[in-house]
Amino acid sequence: MNRIKELRKKRNITQIRLSIAAEVSQETISAYENGKAEPKMDKLIRIADFLNTSTDYLLERTDNDAPLSDLSNKVVDEQLNELINNYARLNNLQRKDLIWYSGIIEQKDLKN
C-alpha cells in the first residue's frame, strides 16, 4: 500500500492523523504503508475518503488519484454518484448482476 504513504505525504498528513480518521493505531498505518498488513475493506474506504481518493487508486487498479466524485464528471445527481461509487466497489460478477437487474427494472417500468 505504497500509495497510502505517497498520498499521505503529498497531502501533508501525519500517520497519527490518518490513524484517527481510519480508527486504527498509528502502528497499523505504518504496517499498511510498509506492506506488513493489508487494511480491511471498511478501513480502506475510510482511508480513501480521508485522503480524498478512490479505493481503486489505493489498490493500484487505476493511476488516477482523483476521488470517484471527480471521476464521474462532477455529476450533480447525488444518487448517480452514489451508484457509481457502489458499482466501483463490486467485483465483476456483482457488476454483471447489477447491470442485469437494472435492465429488469427498466423493462418493468416500460410495461406499466
N, C-alpha and C. Protein backbone atom coordinates (compact mmCIF):
# COMPACT_ATOMS: atom_id res chain seq x y z
N MET A 1 0.84 -1.19 0.00
CA MET A 1 0.00 0.00 0.00
C MET A 1 0.88 1.25 0.00
N ASN A 2 1.84 1.26 -0.91
CA ASN A 2 2.72 2.43 -1.01
C ASN A 2 1.95 3.71 -1.31
N ARG A 3 0.81 3.57 -1.95
CA ARG A 3 0.06 4.77 -2.32
C ARG A 3 -0.55 5.48 -1.12
N ILE A 4 -0.80 4.75 -0.05
CA ILE A 4 -1.28 5.41 1.17
C ILE A 4 -0.22 6.38 1.64
N LYS A 5 1.00 5.90 1.75
CA LYS A 5 2.11 6.75 2.20
C LYS A 5 2.33 7.91 1.24
N GLU A 6 2.31 7.61 -0.05
CA GLU A 6 2.53 8.63 -1.08
C GLU A 6 1.51 9.76 -0.95
N LEU A 7 0.23 9.42 -0.87
CA LEU A 7 -0.81 10.45 -0.76
C LEU A 7 -0.79 11.15 0.59
N ARG A 8 -0.51 10.40 1.63
CA ARG A 8 -0.46 10.99 2.96
C ARG A 8 0.61 12.08 3.00
N LYS A 9 1.77 11.79 2.44
CA LYS A 9 2.85 12.77 2.41
C LYS A 9 2.52 13.93 1.47
N LYS A 10 1.95 13.60 0.32
CA LYS A 10 1.57 14.63 -0.65
C LYS A 10 0.57 15.62 -0.05
N ARG A 11 -0.32 15.11 0.81
CA ARG A 11 -1.33 15.96 1.42
C ARG A 11 -0.90 16.48 2.81
N ASN A 12 0.37 16.19 3.16
CA ASN A 12 0.94 16.68 4.41
C ASN A 12 0.14 16.23 5.64
N ILE A 13 -0.16 14.93 5.67
CA ILE A 13 -0.94 14.33 6.76
C ILE A 13 -0.04 13.37 7.52
N THR A 14 -0.08 13.43 8.83
CA THR A 14 0.73 12.53 9.65
C THR A 14 0.06 11.16 9.75
N GLN A 15 0.86 10.16 10.08
CA GLN A 15 0.30 8.83 10.32
C GLN A 15 -0.70 8.87 11.47
N ILE A 16 -0.42 9.65 12.47
CA ILE A 16 -1.32 9.73 13.61
C ILE A 16 -2.68 10.29 13.19
N ARG A 17 -2.68 11.37 12.40
CA ARG A 17 -3.94 11.96 11.95
C ARG A 17 -4.73 10.97 11.09
N LEU A 18 -4.03 10.26 10.20
CA LEU A 18 -4.69 9.27 9.36
C LEU A 18 -5.22 8.11 10.21
N SER A 19 -4.47 7.72 11.22
CA SER A 19 -4.91 6.62 12.08
C SER A 19 -6.19 6.98 12.83
N ILE A 20 -6.30 8.23 13.25
CA ILE A 20 -7.52 8.68 13.94
C ILE A 20 -8.70 8.62 12.97
N ALA A 21 -8.50 9.10 11.75
CA ALA A 21 -9.58 9.09 10.76
C ALA A 21 -10.00 7.67 10.38
N ALA A 22 -9.02 6.77 10.31
CA ALA A 22 -9.30 5.38 9.91
C ALA A 22 -9.71 4.51 11.10
N GLU A 23 -9.59 5.06 12.30
CA GLU A 23 -9.93 4.34 13.53
C GLU A 23 -9.06 3.10 13.72
N VAL A 24 -7.76 3.30 13.49
CA VAL A 24 -6.76 2.26 13.75
C VAL A 24 -5.58 2.93 14.46
N SER A 25 -4.63 2.15 14.89
CA SER A 25 -3.46 2.72 15.55
C SER A 25 -2.46 3.27 14.52
N GLN A 26 -1.57 4.12 14.99
CA GLN A 26 -0.51 4.65 14.14
C GLN A 26 0.38 3.50 13.65
N GLU A 27 0.57 2.51 14.50
CA GLU A 27 1.38 1.36 14.13
C GLU A 27 0.73 0.59 12.98
N THR A 28 -0.59 0.54 12.98
CA THR A 28 -1.30 -0.14 11.89
C THR A 28 -1.12 0.60 10.58
N ILE A 29 -1.20 1.93 10.62
CA ILE A 29 -0.97 2.72 9.40
C ILE A 29 0.45 2.45 8.89
N SER A 30 1.41 2.43 9.78
CA SER A 30 2.79 2.13 9.40
C SER A 30 2.89 0.75 8.76
N ALA A 31 2.18 -0.23 9.33
CA ALA A 31 2.20 -1.59 8.77
C ALA A 31 1.57 -1.61 7.38
N TYR A 32 0.49 -0.85 7.17
CA TYR A 32 -0.11 -0.75 5.84
C TYR A 32 0.90 -0.18 4.84
N GLU A 33 1.54 0.91 5.25
CA GLU A 33 2.46 1.61 4.35
C GLU A 33 3.69 0.79 4.02
N ASN A 34 4.10 -0.06 4.93
CA ASN A 34 5.31 -0.87 4.72
C ASN A 34 5.01 -2.27 4.19
N GLY A 35 3.75 -2.53 3.85
CA GLY A 35 3.38 -3.81 3.27
C GLY A 35 3.35 -4.96 4.25
N LYS A 36 3.33 -4.66 5.54
CA LYS A 36 3.29 -5.71 6.55
C LYS A 36 1.88 -6.12 6.91
N ALA A 37 0.90 -5.32 6.50
CA ALA A 37 -0.51 -5.63 6.75
C ALA A 37 -1.35 -5.01 5.64
N GLU A 38 -2.52 -5.59 5.42
CA GLU A 38 -3.47 -5.08 4.43
C GLU A 38 -4.71 -4.59 5.17
N PRO A 39 -5.20 -3.40 4.82
CA PRO A 39 -6.40 -2.91 5.51
C PRO A 39 -7.64 -3.69 5.09
N LYS A 40 -8.54 -3.90 6.04
CA LYS A 40 -9.84 -4.48 5.70
C LYS A 40 -10.61 -3.44 4.90
N MET A 41 -11.64 -3.89 4.21
CA MET A 41 -12.37 -3.02 3.29
C MET A 41 -12.88 -1.75 3.97
N ASP A 42 -13.47 -1.87 5.16
CA ASP A 42 -14.01 -0.68 5.81
C ASP A 42 -12.92 0.33 6.14
N LYS A 43 -11.75 -0.15 6.51
CA LYS A 43 -10.62 0.75 6.80
C LYS A 43 -10.08 1.36 5.51
N LEU A 44 -10.02 0.57 4.45
CA LEU A 44 -9.56 1.07 3.17
C LEU A 44 -10.47 2.20 2.67
N ILE A 45 -11.76 2.03 2.84
CA ILE A 45 -12.72 3.06 2.42
C ILE A 45 -12.52 4.32 3.25
N ARG A 46 -12.35 4.17 4.56
CA ARG A 46 -12.12 5.34 5.43
C ARG A 46 -10.84 6.08 5.01
N ILE A 47 -9.80 5.32 4.72
CA ILE A 47 -8.53 5.92 4.32
C ILE A 47 -8.69 6.65 2.99
N ALA A 48 -9.33 6.00 2.03
CA ALA A 48 -9.55 6.63 0.72
C ALA A 48 -10.37 7.91 0.86
N ASP A 49 -11.42 7.85 1.65
CA ASP A 49 -12.25 9.04 1.85
C ASP A 49 -11.44 10.16 2.48
N PHE A 50 -10.66 9.82 3.51
CA PHE A 50 -9.88 10.85 4.20
C PHE A 50 -8.80 11.44 3.29
N LEU A 51 -8.19 10.61 2.45
CA LEU A 51 -7.16 11.08 1.54
C LEU A 51 -7.75 11.66 0.26
N ASN A 52 -9.07 11.67 0.17
CA ASN A 52 -9.78 12.23 -0.98
C ASN A 52 -9.35 11.57 -2.28
N THR A 53 -9.41 10.24 -2.27
CA THR A 53 -9.08 9.46 -3.45
C THR A 53 -10.02 8.27 -3.53
N SER A 54 -9.81 7.41 -4.49
CA SER A 54 -10.65 6.22 -4.62
C SER A 54 -9.92 5.00 -4.05
N THR A 55 -10.69 4.01 -3.66
CA THR A 55 -10.07 2.76 -3.23
C THR A 55 -9.34 2.11 -4.40
N ASP A 56 -9.83 2.30 -5.60
CA ASP A 56 -9.16 1.75 -6.78
C ASP A 56 -7.75 2.30 -6.92
N TYR A 57 -7.58 3.58 -6.62
CA TYR A 57 -6.23 4.15 -6.68
C TYR A 57 -5.33 3.51 -5.63
N LEU A 58 -5.83 3.39 -4.40
CA LEU A 58 -5.02 2.79 -3.34
C LEU A 58 -4.68 1.34 -3.65
N LEU A 59 -5.58 0.63 -4.33
CA LEU A 59 -5.36 -0.77 -4.69
C LEU A 59 -4.59 -0.93 -6.01
N GLU A 60 -4.18 0.19 -6.58
CA GLU A 60 -3.41 0.23 -7.83
C GLU A 60 -4.19 -0.32 -9.02
N ARG A 61 -5.50 -0.11 -8.99
CA ARG A 61 -6.34 -0.51 -10.13
C ARG A 61 -6.46 0.62 -11.13
N THR A 62 -6.05 1.83 -10.72
CA THR A 62 -6.04 3.00 -11.61
C THR A 62 -4.87 3.87 -11.19
N ASP A 63 -4.41 4.69 -12.11
CA ASP A 63 -3.33 5.62 -11.79
C ASP A 63 -3.85 7.03 -11.55
N ASN A 64 -5.16 7.20 -11.60
CA ASN A 64 -5.79 8.50 -11.36
C ASN A 64 -6.14 8.60 -9.88
N ASP A 65 -5.50 9.53 -9.18
CA ASP A 65 -5.75 9.64 -7.74
C ASP A 65 -6.93 10.54 -7.39
N ALA A 66 -7.69 10.96 -8.39
CA ALA A 66 -8.86 11.80 -8.12
C ALA A 66 -9.94 10.97 -7.43
N PRO A 67 -10.73 11.60 -6.55
CA PRO A 67 -11.83 10.86 -5.93
C PRO A 67 -12.87 10.46 -6.96
N LEU A 68 -13.66 9.44 -6.65
CA LEU A 68 -14.67 8.96 -7.60
C LEU A 68 -15.64 10.05 -8.00
N SER A 69 -15.95 10.98 -7.11
CA SER A 69 -16.88 12.05 -7.48
C SER A 69 -16.31 12.88 -8.62
N ASP A 70 -14.96 13.05 -8.66
CA ASP A 70 -14.35 13.76 -9.77
C ASP A 70 -14.35 12.90 -11.03
N LEU A 71 -14.15 11.60 -10.85
CA LEU A 71 -14.11 10.70 -12.00
C LEU A 71 -15.46 10.58 -12.68
N SER A 72 -16.52 10.90 -11.97
CA SER A 72 -17.86 10.80 -12.56
C SER A 72 -18.27 12.12 -13.21
N ASN A 73 -17.28 12.94 -13.56
CA ASN A 73 -17.51 14.20 -14.27
C ASN A 73 -18.38 15.18 -13.51
N LYS A 74 -18.26 15.18 -12.20
CA LYS A 74 -18.98 16.14 -11.37
C LYS A 74 -20.48 16.11 -11.63
N VAL A 75 -21.03 14.92 -11.79
CA VAL A 75 -22.46 14.78 -12.00
C VAL A 75 -23.19 15.37 -10.80
N VAL A 76 -24.21 16.19 -11.05
CA VAL A 76 -24.92 16.87 -9.97
C VAL A 76 -25.80 15.90 -9.19
N ASP A 77 -26.34 14.92 -9.85
CA ASP A 77 -27.26 13.98 -9.23
C ASP A 77 -26.52 13.13 -8.19
N GLU A 78 -26.80 13.34 -6.91
CA GLU A 78 -26.12 12.62 -5.84
C GLU A 78 -26.40 11.12 -5.89
N GLN A 79 -27.60 10.73 -6.30
CA GLN A 79 -27.93 9.30 -6.38
C GLN A 79 -27.07 8.62 -7.43
N LEU A 80 -26.81 9.30 -8.54
CA LEU A 80 -25.96 8.72 -9.58
C LEU A 80 -24.53 8.58 -9.06
N ASN A 81 -24.04 9.58 -8.34
CA ASN A 81 -22.71 9.47 -7.74
C ASN A 81 -22.64 8.30 -6.77
N GLU A 82 -23.69 8.12 -5.98
CA GLU A 82 -23.74 7.01 -5.03
C GLU A 82 -23.71 5.68 -5.78
N LEU A 83 -24.47 5.59 -6.85
CA LEU A 83 -24.49 4.36 -7.65
C LEU A 83 -23.12 4.08 -8.26
N ILE A 84 -22.46 5.10 -8.77
CA ILE A 84 -21.13 4.93 -9.35
C ILE A 84 -20.14 4.45 -8.29
N ASN A 85 -20.19 5.05 -7.11
CA ASN A 85 -19.29 4.64 -6.03
C ASN A 85 -19.56 3.20 -5.60
N ASN A 86 -20.83 2.82 -5.49
CA ASN A 86 -21.18 1.44 -5.14
C ASN A 86 -20.71 0.47 -6.22
N TYR A 87 -20.95 0.82 -7.48
CA TYR A 87 -20.55 -0.02 -8.60
C TYR A 87 -19.04 -0.27 -8.58
N ALA A 88 -18.27 0.77 -8.28
CA ALA A 88 -16.81 0.65 -8.28
C ALA A 88 -16.31 -0.33 -7.23
N ARG A 89 -17.09 -0.55 -6.18
CA ARG A 89 -16.67 -1.47 -5.12
C ARG A 89 -17.08 -2.92 -5.39
N LEU A 90 -17.86 -3.17 -6.44
CA LEU A 90 -18.33 -4.52 -6.74
C LEU A 90 -17.28 -5.30 -7.53
N ASN A 91 -17.34 -6.64 -7.39
CA ASN A 91 -16.49 -7.47 -8.24
C ASN A 91 -17.18 -7.63 -9.60
N ASN A 92 -16.52 -8.25 -10.56
CA ASN A 92 -17.07 -8.34 -11.92
C ASN A 92 -18.40 -9.07 -11.98
N LEU A 93 -18.56 -10.15 -11.23
CA LEU A 93 -19.83 -10.88 -11.24
C LEU A 93 -20.95 -10.02 -10.66
N GLN A 94 -20.68 -9.32 -9.58
CA GLN A 94 -21.68 -8.44 -8.99
C GLN A 94 -22.05 -7.31 -9.94
N ARG A 95 -21.07 -6.80 -10.68
CA ARG A 95 -21.36 -5.73 -11.66
C ARG A 95 -22.29 -6.25 -12.76
N LYS A 96 -22.03 -7.47 -13.24
CA LYS A 96 -22.91 -8.06 -14.26
C LYS A 96 -24.33 -8.23 -13.71
N ASP A 97 -24.44 -8.67 -12.46
CA ASP A 97 -25.75 -8.83 -11.83
C ASP A 97 -26.47 -7.49 -11.73
N LEU A 98 -25.75 -6.47 -11.35
CA LEU A 98 -26.35 -5.14 -11.22
C LEU A 98 -26.86 -4.63 -12.57
N ILE A 99 -26.06 -4.83 -13.61
CA ILE A 99 -26.48 -4.40 -14.95
C ILE A 99 -27.71 -5.19 -15.39
N TRP A 100 -27.72 -6.50 -15.13
CA TRP A 100 -28.87 -7.33 -15.47
C TRP A 100 -30.11 -6.84 -14.72
N TYR A 101 -29.95 -6.60 -13.43
CA TYR A 101 -31.08 -6.17 -12.60
C TYR A 101 -31.61 -4.81 -13.05
N SER A 102 -30.73 -3.90 -13.43
CA SER A 102 -31.19 -2.59 -13.88
C SER A 102 -32.01 -2.73 -15.17
N GLY A 103 -31.64 -3.71 -16.02
CA GLY A 103 -32.43 -3.96 -17.22
C GLY A 103 -33.82 -4.49 -16.89
N ILE A 104 -33.91 -5.34 -15.87
CA ILE A 104 -35.21 -5.85 -15.42
C ILE A 104 -36.08 -4.71 -14.91
N ILE A 105 -35.50 -3.81 -14.13
CA ILE A 105 -36.25 -2.67 -13.60
C ILE A 105 -36.74 -1.79 -14.75
N GLU A 106 -35.89 -1.56 -15.73
CA GLU A 106 -36.27 -0.73 -16.87
C GLU A 106 -37.43 -1.36 -17.64
N GLN A 107 -37.35 -2.68 -17.88
CA GLN A 107 -38.43 -3.37 -18.59
C GLN A 107 -39.72 -3.33 -17.79
N LYS A 108 -39.64 -3.48 -16.48
CA LYS A 108 -40.82 -3.43 -15.62
C LYS A 108 -41.51 -2.08 -15.76
N ASP A 109 -40.72 -1.00 -15.76
CA ASP A 109 -41.30 0.35 -15.86
C ASP A 109 -41.92 0.57 -17.25
N LEU A 110 -41.35 -0.04 -18.28
CA LEU A 110 -41.91 0.10 -19.62
C LEU A 110 -43.25 -0.61 -19.77
N LYS A 111 -43.44 -1.68 -19.01
CA LYS A 111 -44.68 -2.45 -19.09
C LYS A 111 -45.81 -1.77 -18.34
N ASN A 112 -45.48 -0.91 -17.39
CA ASN A 112 -46.52 -0.24 -16.58
C ASN A 112 -47.02 0.99 -17.21
